[in-house]
PDB file of N, CA and C in Angstrom:
ATOM      1  N   MET A   1       3.622  -1.667  31.699  1.00  0.00           N
ATOM      2  CA  MET A   1       3.030  -1.277  30.431  1.00  0.00           C
ATOM      3  C   MET A   1       1.795  -2.135  30.190  1.00  0.00           C
ATOM      4  N   ALA A   2       0.762  -1.519  29.712  1.00  0.00           N
ATOM      5  CA  ALA A   2      -0.504  -2.215  29.483  1.00  0.00           C
ATOM      6  C   ALA A   2      -0.423  -3.089  28.237  1.00  0.00           C
ATOM      7  N   ASN A   3      -1.057  -4.233  28.284  1.00  0.00           N
ATOM      8  CA  ASN A   3      -1.137  -5.137  27.146  1.00  0.00           C
ATOM      9  C   ASN A   3      -2.418  -4.802  26.377  1.00  0.00           C
ATOM     10  N   VAL A   4      -2.269  -4.139  25.230  1.00  0.00           N
ATOM     11  CA  VAL A   4      -3.429  -3.691  24.457  1.00  0.00           C
ATOM     12  C   VAL A   4      -3.686  -4.566  23.233  1.00  0.00           C
ATOM     13  N   SER A   5      -3.072  -5.742  23.181  1.00  0.00           N
ATOM     14  CA  SER A   5      -3.224  -6.590  22.003  1.00  0.00           C
ATOM     15  C   SER A   5      -4.677  -7.016  21.783  1.00  0.00           C
ATOM     16  N   LYS A   6      -5.463  -7.107  22.867  1.00  0.00           N
ATOM     17  CA  LYS A   6      -6.872  -7.488  22.712  1.00  0.00           C
ATOM     18  C   LYS A   6      -7.678  -6.412  21.995  1.00  0.00           C
ATOM     19  N   LEU A   7      -7.202  -5.169  22.019  1.00  0.00           N
ATOM     20  CA  LEU A   7      -7.881  -4.109  21.281  1.00  0.00           C
ATOM     21  C   LEU A   7      -7.641  -4.242  19.782  1.00  0.00           C
ATOM     22  N   LEU A   8      -6.511  -4.828  19.404  1.00  0.00           N
ATOM     23  CA  LEU A   8      -6.171  -4.979  17.995  1.00  0.00           C
ATOM     24  C   LEU A   8      -6.674  -6.289  17.409  1.00  0.00           C
ATOM     25  N   PHE A   9      -6.527  -7.369  18.162  1.00  0.00           N
ATOM     26  CA  PHE A   9      -6.898  -8.692  17.676  1.00  0.00           C
ATOM     27  C   PHE A   9      -7.765  -9.381  18.713  1.00  0.00           C
ATOM     28  N   SER A  10      -8.792 -10.058  18.244  1.00  0.00           N
ATOM     29  CA  SER A  10      -9.633 -10.821  19.151  1.00  0.00           C
ATOM     30  C   SER A  10     -10.254 -11.973  18.379  1.00  0.00           C
ATOM     31  N   THR A  11     -10.322 -13.122  18.996  1.00  0.00           N
ATOM     32  CA  THR A  11     -10.944 -14.280  18.337  1.00  0.00           C
ATOM     33  C   THR A  11     -12.435 -14.359  18.621  1.00  0.00           C
ATOM     34  N   THR A  12     -12.915 -13.595  19.608  1.00  0.00           N
ATOM     35  CA  THR A  12     -14.326 -13.689  19.972  1.00  0.00           C
ATOM     36  C   THR A  12     -15.121 -12.430  19.679  1.00  0.00           C
ATOM     37  N   VAL A  13     -14.471 -11.292  19.572  1.00  0.00           N
ATOM     38  CA  VAL A  13     -15.168 -10.019  19.389  1.00  0.00           C
ATOM     39  C   VAL A  13     -14.866  -9.467  18.005  1.00  0.00           C
ATOM     40  N   ASP A  14     -15.925  -9.038  17.301  1.00  0.00           N
ATOM     41  CA  ASP A  14     -15.744  -8.456  15.970  1.00  0.00           C
ATOM     42  C   ASP A  14     -15.421  -6.966  16.028  1.00  0.00           C
ATOM     43  N   GLU A  15     -15.593  -6.341  17.157  1.00  0.00           N
ATOM     44  CA  GLU A  15     -15.379  -4.910  17.296  1.00  0.00           C
ATOM     45  C   GLU A  15     -13.958  -4.616  17.771  1.00  0.00           C
ATOM     46  N   THR A  16     -12.982  -4.862  16.935  1.00  0.00           N
ATOM     47  CA  THR A  16     -11.600  -4.530  17.269  1.00  0.00           C
ATOM     48  C   THR A  16     -11.165  -3.327  16.456  1.00  0.00           C
ATOM     49  N   TYR A  17     -10.072  -2.731  16.865  1.00  0.00           N
ATOM     50  CA  TYR A  17      -9.563  -1.537  16.187  1.00  0.00           C
ATOM     51  C   TYR A  17      -9.253  -1.830  14.724  1.00  0.00           C
ATOM     52  N   LEU A  18      -8.575  -2.924  14.441  1.00  0.00           N
ATOM     53  CA  LEU A  18      -8.182  -3.227  13.065  1.00  0.00           C
ATOM     54  C   LEU A  18      -9.379  -3.548  12.180  1.00  0.00           C
ATOM     55  N   VAL A  19     -10.442  -4.123  12.743  1.00  0.00           N
ATOM     56  CA  VAL A  19     -11.646  -4.393  11.962  1.00  0.00           C
ATOM     57  C   VAL A  19     -12.322  -3.084  11.571  1.00  0.00           C
ATOM     58  N   ASN A  20     -12.304  -2.126  12.475  1.00  0.00           N
ATOM     59  CA  ASN A  20     -12.974  -0.847  12.230  1.00  0.00           C
ATOM     60  C   ASN A  20     -12.120   0.170  11.489  1.00  0.00           C
ATOM     61  N   LEU A  21     -10.880  -0.152  11.230  1.00  0.00           N
ATOM     62  CA  LEU A  21      -9.989   0.769  10.537  1.00  0.00           C
ATOM     63  C   LEU A  21     -10.229   0.640   9.037  1.00  0.00           C
ATOM     64  N   HIS A  22     -10.836   1.654   8.463  1.00  0.00           N
ATOM     65  CA  HIS A  22     -11.161   1.621   7.041  1.00  0.00           C
ATOM     66  C   HIS A  22     -10.444   2.764   6.338  1.00  0.00           C
ATOM     67  N   ALA A  23      -9.816   2.451   5.237  1.00  0.00           N
ATOM     68  CA  ALA A  23      -9.184   3.471   4.411  1.00  0.00           C
ATOM     69  C   ALA A  23      -9.560   3.179   2.962  1.00  0.00           C
ATOM     70  N   ASP A  24      -9.989   4.205   2.263  1.00  0.00           N
ATOM     71  CA  ASP A  24     -10.353   4.028   0.869  1.00  0.00           C
ATOM     72  C   ASP A  24      -9.080   4.117   0.035  1.00  0.00           C
ATOM     73  N   ASP A  25      -8.450   2.966  -0.169  1.00  0.00           N
ATOM     74  CA  ASP A  25      -7.204   2.942  -0.913  1.00  0.00           C
ATOM     75  C   ASP A  25      -7.399   2.452  -2.345  1.00  0.00           C
ATOM     76  N   THR A  26      -8.642   2.401  -2.818  1.00  0.00           N
ATOM     77  CA  THR A  26      -8.925   1.946  -4.168  1.00  0.00           C
ATOM     78  C   THR A  26      -8.211   2.798  -5.221  1.00  0.00           C
ATOM     79  N   PRO A  27      -8.253   4.134  -5.148  1.00  0.00           N
ATOM     80  CA  PRO A  27      -7.528   4.927  -6.150  1.00  0.00           C
ATOM     81  C   PRO A  27      -6.012   4.677  -6.110  1.00  0.00           C
ATOM     82  N   LEU A  28      -5.464   4.474  -4.925  1.00  0.00           N
ATOM     83  CA  LEU A  28      -4.035   4.198  -4.815  1.00  0.00           C
ATOM     84  C   LEU A  28      -3.679   2.861  -5.449  1.00  0.00           C
ATOM     85  N   LYS A  29      -4.501   1.851  -5.216  1.00  0.00           N
ATOM     86  CA  LYS A  29      -4.242   0.540  -5.804  1.00  0.00           C
ATOM     87  C   LYS A  29      -4.347   0.587  -7.322  1.00  0.00           C
ATOM     88  N   ARG A  30      -5.310   1.337  -7.829  1.00  0.00           N
ATOM     89  CA  ARG A  30      -5.474   1.476  -9.271  1.00  0.00           C
ATOM     90  C   ARG A  30      -4.258   2.179  -9.876  1.00  0.00           C
ATOM     91  N   ALA A  31      -3.797   3.247  -9.223  1.00  0.00           N
ATOM     92  CA  ALA A  31      -2.616   3.967  -9.697  1.00  0.00           C
ATOM     93  C   ALA A  31      -1.382   3.077  -9.641  1.00  0.00           C
ATOM     94  N   LYS A  32      -1.242   2.307  -8.570  1.00  0.00           N
ATOM     95  CA  LYS A  32      -0.100   1.398  -8.429  1.00  0.00           C
ATOM     96  C   LYS A  32      -0.069   0.393  -9.576  1.00  0.00           C
ATOM     97  N   THR A  33      -1.228  -0.160  -9.912  1.00  0.00           N
ATOM     98  CA  THR A  33      -1.309  -1.136 -10.998  1.00  0.00           C
ATOM     99  C   THR A  33      -0.940  -0.508 -12.332  1.00  0.00           C
ATOM    100  N   LEU A  34      -1.450   0.687 -12.602  1.00  0.00           N
ATOM    101  CA  LEU A  34      -1.134   1.373 -13.855  1.00  0.00           C
ATOM    102  C   LEU A  34       0.354   1.692 -13.964  1.00  0.00           C
ATOM    103  N   ILE A  35       0.942   2.171 -12.887  1.00  0.00           N
ATOM    104  CA  ILE A  35       2.364   2.520 -12.896  1.00  0.00           C
ATOM    105  C   ILE A  35       3.220   1.277 -13.086  1.00  0.00           C
ATOM    106  N   ARG A  36       2.897   0.203 -12.377  1.00  0.00           N
ATOM    107  CA  ARG A  36       3.668  -1.034 -12.512  1.00  0.00           C
ATOM    108  C   ARG A  36       3.569  -1.596 -13.930  1.00  0.00           C
ATOM    109  N   ASP A  37       2.371  -1.564 -14.514  1.00  0.00           N
ATOM    110  CA  ASP A  37       2.201  -2.048 -15.891  1.00  0.00           C
ATOM    111  C   ASP A  37       3.030  -1.228 -16.865  1.00  0.00           C
ATOM    112  N   HIS A  38       3.023   0.092 -16.685  1.00  0.00           N
ATOM    113  CA  HIS A  38       3.800   0.970 -17.554  1.00  0.00           C
ATOM    114  C   HIS A  38       5.303   0.691 -17.404  1.00  0.00           C
ATOM    115  N   LEU A  39       5.758   0.521 -16.163  1.00  0.00           N
ATOM    116  CA  LEU A  39       7.178   0.238 -15.938  1.00  0.00           C
ATOM    117  C   LEU A  39       7.584  -1.120 -16.513  1.00  0.00           C
ATOM    118  N   ARG A  40       6.734  -2.111 -16.396  1.00  0.00           N
ATOM    119  CA  ARG A  40       7.050  -3.427 -16.968  1.00  0.00           C
ATOM    120  C   ARG A  40       7.225  -3.330 -18.482  1.00  0.00           C
ATOM    121  N   THR A  41       6.329  -2.604 -19.133  1.00  0.00           N
ATOM    122  CA  THR A  41       6.409  -2.427 -20.578  1.00  0.00           C
ATOM    123  C   THR A  41       7.679  -1.680 -20.968  1.00  0.00           C
ATOM    124  N   ALA A  42       7.973  -0.594 -20.243  1.00  0.00           N
ATOM    125  CA  ALA A  42       9.164   0.205 -20.543  1.00  0.00           C
ATOM    126  C   ALA A  42      10.446  -0.594 -20.310  1.00  0.00           C
ATOM    127  N   PHE A  43      10.512  -1.362 -19.220  1.00  0.00           N
ATOM    128  CA  PHE A  43      11.698  -2.181 -18.947  1.00  0.00           C
ATOM    129  C   PHE A  43      11.872  -3.262 -20.016  1.00  0.00           C
ATOM    130  N   ALA A  44      10.776  -3.885 -20.415  1.00  0.00           N
ATOM    131  CA  ALA A  44      10.856  -4.934 -21.435  1.00  0.00           C
ATOM    132  C   ALA A  44      11.374  -4.356 -22.748  1.00  0.00           C
ATOM    133  N   ARG A  45      10.871  -3.196 -23.130  1.00  0.00           N
ATOM    134  CA  ARG A  45      11.291  -2.562 -24.379  1.00  0.00           C
ATOM    135  C   ARG A  45      12.752  -2.133 -24.314  1.00  0.00           C
ATOM    136  N   ALA A  46      13.130  -1.466 -23.229  1.00  0.00           N
ATOM    137  CA  ALA A  46      14.505  -0.991 -23.088  1.00  0.00           C
ATOM    138  C   ALA A  46      15.477  -2.162 -22.946  1.00  0.00           C
ATOM    139  N   GLY A  47      15.087  -3.190 -22.212  1.00  0.00           N
ATOM    140  CA  GLY A  47      15.949  -4.354 -22.037  1.00  0.00           C
ATOM    141  C   GLY A  47      16.206  -5.072 -23.345  1.00  0.00           C
ATOM    142  N   THR A  48      15.166  -5.177 -24.162  1.00  0.00           N
ATOM    143  CA  THR A  48      15.317  -5.822 -25.468  1.00  0.00           C
ATOM    144  C   THR A  48      16.252  -5.021 -26.356  1.00  0.00           C
ATOM    145  N   ASN A  49      16.116  -3.693 -26.324  1.00  0.00           N
ATOM    146  CA  ASN A  49      16.969  -2.836 -27.152  1.00  0.00           C
ATOM    147  C   ASN A  49      18.415  -2.826 -26.667  1.00  0.00           C
ATOM    148  N   LEU A  50      18.633  -2.795 -25.363  1.00  0.00           N
ATOM    149  CA  LEU A  50      19.987  -2.671 -24.818  1.00  0.00           C
ATOM    150  C   LEU A  50      20.685  -4.010 -24.613  1.00  0.00           C
ATOM    151  N   PHE A  51      19.969  -5.006 -24.149  1.00  0.00           N
ATOM    152  CA  PHE A  51      20.598  -6.268 -23.766  1.00  0.00           C
ATOM    153  C   PHE A  51      20.190  -7.449 -24.639  1.00  0.00           C
ATOM    154  N   GLY A  52      19.212  -7.251 -25.490  1.00  0.00           N
ATOM    155  CA  GLY A  52      18.751  -8.327 -26.343  1.00  0.00           C
ATOM    156  C   GLY A  52      17.870  -9.338 -25.633  1.00  0.00           C
ATOM    157  N   GLN A  53      17.417  -9.004 -24.439  1.00  0.00           N
ATOM    158  CA  GLN A  53      16.507  -9.887 -23.704  1.00  0.00           C
ATOM    159  C   GLN A  53      15.530  -9.050 -22.892  1.00  0.00           C
ATOM    160  N   VAL A  54      14.422  -9.661 -22.515  1.00  0.00           N
ATOM    161  CA  VAL A  54      13.393  -8.963 -21.755  1.00  0.00           C
ATOM    162  C   VAL A  54      13.839  -8.826 -20.302  1.00  0.00           C
ATOM    163  N   VAL A  55      13.725  -7.616 -19.761  1.00  0.00           N
ATOM    164  CA  VAL A  55      14.037  -7.350 -18.363  1.00  0.00           C
ATOM    165  C   VAL A  55      12.718  -7.201 -17.614  1.00  0.00           C
ATOM    166  N   LYS A  56      12.548  -7.970 -16.533  1.00  0.00           N
ATOM    167  CA  LYS A  56      11.302  -7.949 -15.764  1.00  0.00           C
ATOM    168  C   LYS A  56      11.586  -7.431 -14.354  1.00  0.00           C
ATOM    169  N   PRO A  57      11.129  -6.211 -14.045  1.00  0.00           N
ATOM    170  CA  PRO A  57      11.330  -5.698 -12.682  1.00  0.00           C
ATOM    171  C   PRO A  57      10.405  -6.411 -11.696  1.00  0.00           C
ATOM    172  N   LYS A  58      10.857  -6.505 -10.441  1.00  0.00           N
ATOM    173  CA  LYS A  58      10.037  -7.077  -9.367  1.00  0.00           C
ATOM    174  C   LYS A  58       9.595  -5.947  -8.451  1.00  0.00           C
ATOM    175  N   PHE A  59       8.372  -6.019  -7.990  1.00  0.00           N
ATOM    176  CA  PHE A  59       7.824  -5.006  -7.109  1.00  0.00           C
ATOM    177  C   PHE A  59       7.416  -5.650  -5.790  1.00  0.00           C
ATOM    178  N   TYR A  60       7.715  -4.965  -4.693  1.00  0.00           N
ATOM    179  CA  TYR A  60       7.360  -5.458  -3.368  1.00  0.00           C
ATOM    180  C   TYR A  60       6.593  -4.381  -2.618  1.00  0.00           C
ATOM    181  N   THR A  61       5.487  -4.753  -2.025  1.00  0.00           N
ATOM    182  CA  THR A  61       4.699  -3.819  -1.237  1.00  0.00           C
ATOM    183  C   THR A  61       5.270  -3.759   0.170  1.00  0.00           C
ATOM    184  N   GLN A  62       5.421  -2.534   0.685  1.00  0.00           N
ATOM    185  CA  GLN A  62       5.989  -2.341   2.009  1.00  0.00           C
ATOM    186  C   GLN A  62       5.108  -1.400   2.822  1.00  0.00           C
ATOM    187  N   GLY A  63       5.360  -1.346   4.086  1.00  0.00           N
ATOM    188  CA  GLY A  63       4.743  -0.355   4.954  1.00  0.00           C
ATOM    189  C   GLY A  63       3.307  -0.619   5.326  1.00  0.00           C
ATOM    190  N   SER A  64       2.593   0.473   5.611  1.00  0.00           N
ATOM    191  CA  SER A  64       1.240   0.368   6.152  1.00  0.00           C
ATOM    192  C   SER A  64       0.265  -0.285   5.179  1.00  0.00           C
ATOM    193  N   SER A  65       0.503  -0.159   3.908  1.00  0.00           N
ATOM    194  CA  SER A  65      -0.378  -0.802   2.936  1.00  0.00           C
ATOM    195  C   SER A  65      -0.260  -2.321   3.021  1.00  0.00           C
ATOM    196  N   ALA A  66       0.930  -2.817   3.194  1.00  0.00           N
ATOM    197  CA  ALA A  66       1.143  -4.263   3.295  1.00  0.00           C
ATOM    198  C   ALA A  66       0.570  -4.827   4.579  1.00  0.00           C
ATOM    199  N   TYR A  67       0.627  -4.045   5.643  1.00  0.00           N
ATOM    200  CA  TYR A  67       0.147  -4.516   6.947  1.00  0.00           C
ATOM    201  C   TYR A  67      -1.329  -4.193   7.195  1.00  0.00           C
ATOM    202  N   LYS A  68      -1.982  -3.599   6.208  1.00  0.00           N
ATOM    203  CA  LYS A  68      -3.407  -3.234   6.310  1.00  0.00           C
ATOM    204  C   LYS A  68      -3.669  -2.285   7.477  1.00  0.00           C
ATOM    205  N   THR A  69      -2.745  -1.369   7.710  1.00  0.00           N
ATOM    206  CA  THR A  69      -2.925  -0.364   8.759  1.00  0.00           C
ATOM    207  C   THR A  69      -2.918   1.037   8.175  1.00  0.00           C
ATOM    208  N   LEU A  70      -3.183   1.145   6.885  1.00  0.00           N
ATOM    209  CA  LEU A  70      -3.207   2.434   6.215  1.00  0.00           C
ATOM    210  C   LEU A  70      -4.390   3.247   6.727  1.00  0.00           C
ATOM    211  N   ASN A  71      -4.148   4.480   7.149  1.00  0.00           N
ATOM    212  CA  ASN A  71      -5.250   5.304   7.634  1.00  0.00           C
ATOM    213  C   ASN A  71      -5.079   6.733   7.158  1.00  0.00           C
ATOM    214  N   ASP A  72      -6.104   7.538   7.370  1.00  0.00           N
ATOM    215  CA  ASP A  72      -6.081   8.930   6.940  1.00  0.00           C
ATOM    216  C   ASP A  72      -5.245   9.755   7.907  1.00  0.00           C
ATOM    217  N   PRO A  73      -4.540  10.767   7.381  1.00  0.00           N
ATOM    218  CA  PRO A  73      -3.760  11.616   8.283  1.00  0.00           C
ATOM    219  C   PRO A  73      -4.667  12.476   9.157  1.00  0.00           C
ATOM    220  N   ALA A  74      -4.157  12.887  10.313  1.00  0.00           N
ATOM    221  CA  ALA A  74      -4.947  13.743  11.209  1.00  0.00           C
ATOM    222  C   ALA A  74      -5.209  15.095  10.550  1.00  0.00           C
ATOM    223  N   TRP A  75      -4.220  15.616   9.839  1.00  0.00           N
ATOM    224  CA  TRP A  75      -4.377  16.886   9.134  1.00  0.00           C
ATOM    225  C   TRP A  75      -3.874  16.725   7.733  1.00  0.00           C
ATOM    226  N   SER A  76      -4.668  17.193   6.772  1.00  0.00           N
ATOM    227  CA  SER A  76      -4.210  17.165   5.388  1.00  0.00           C
ATOM    228  C   SER A  76      -3.451  18.449   5.091  1.00  0.00           C
ATOM    229  N   ARG A  77      -2.822  18.516   3.960  1.00  0.00           N
ATOM    230  CA  ARG A  77      -2.016  19.697   3.610  1.00  0.00           C
ATOM    231  C   ARG A  77      -2.865  20.967   3.499  1.00  0.00           C
ATOM    232  N   CYS A  78      -4.109  20.817   3.041  1.00  0.00           N
ATOM    233  CA  CYS A  78      -4.927  22.006   2.828  1.00  0.00           C
ATOM    234  C   CYS A  78      -5.424  22.618   4.135  1.00  0.00           C
ATOM    235  N   ASN A  79      -5.547  21.837   5.196  1.00  0.00           N
ATOM    236  CA  ASN A  79      -5.990  22.409   6.462  1.00  0.00           C
ATOM    237  C   ASN A  79      -4.945  22.182   7.570  1.00  0.00           C
ATOM    238  N   LYS A  80      -3.695  22.313   7.175  1.00  0.00           N
ATOM    239  CA  LYS A  80      -2.590  22.079   8.098  1.00  0.00           C
ATOM    240  C   LYS A  80      -2.556  23.137   9.178  1.00  0.00           C
ATOM    241  N   ARG A  81      -2.412  22.684  10.424  1.00  0.00           N
ATOM    242  CA  ARG A  81      -2.329  23.623  11.538  1.00  0.00           C
ATOM    243  C   ARG A  81      -0.949  24.235  11.611  1.00  0.00           C
ATOM    244  N   THR A  82      -0.905  25.461  12.041  1.00  0.00           N
ATOM    245  CA  THR A  82       0.387  26.145  12.189  1.00  0.00           C
ATOM    246  C   THR A  82       0.686  26.423  13.634  1.00  0.00           C
TER     247      THR A  82
END
């Protein structure tokens, strides 16, 4: 099996796959922040009403977004091949 790690990471070359992988995730990050803020407010309000104390949910980022490997799909739903 070929060792392709040099294509992903390199200490001497700036032209690696991960450097050139760009995804415009700004709208997703903005939506994530808005949703988390709304959930924090709702949990705090409901926790105070039900338990008499503030409930603070924890959020963890997982998957391709956390590893900075998020990319565009080969086919979107509107031009899906059959």
